[in-house]
Amino acid sequence: LLATSTIPCVTPAAQCSDILYSGTVWGYAASGVALGAYTNNELQFIGCIGCSNCHYLDCDPSTFSCTDTGTGITFGSSSSDDSSNTMRSCHGVSSINQCYYDGSCCSQGGGMCNAPDKQIDAT
């Protein structure tokens, strides 16, 4: 008797160690998560950039954290200062290296956008 199984192939859930990113985005030091491999290269980066002389309200890269949980991951900024806690995202390009800031917010693929911040944004 020969028995076969048709268990579907399931991609394991990402862990923080799989997606943590520390490098440069838009020409600034950055810490966040690199999500291209998990989003069909649609969403490349969510995180904090170090731009102390910028006029926008970015979180500092040192405040970014990612935590593995029993059901997935959580990530974000630990900044409690409402004037500097905005995470940024890059999408519409095929790699983080193609993220480009032209002085406008989210004006083109690879532009600097505010990160999604509601559960509905993740679906």
Foldseek 3Di string as FASTA:
>chain_A
DDDDDDDDDDDDADACVRFWDFDDAQRFTWTFGACCVPPVQFWGTKTFTDDPPDPAQTAHRVQWDKDADPVHIDIAGPDPDPSHGWIWTAGDDNYRVPQHDPPDEPPHHSYTHTDDDDPVVVD
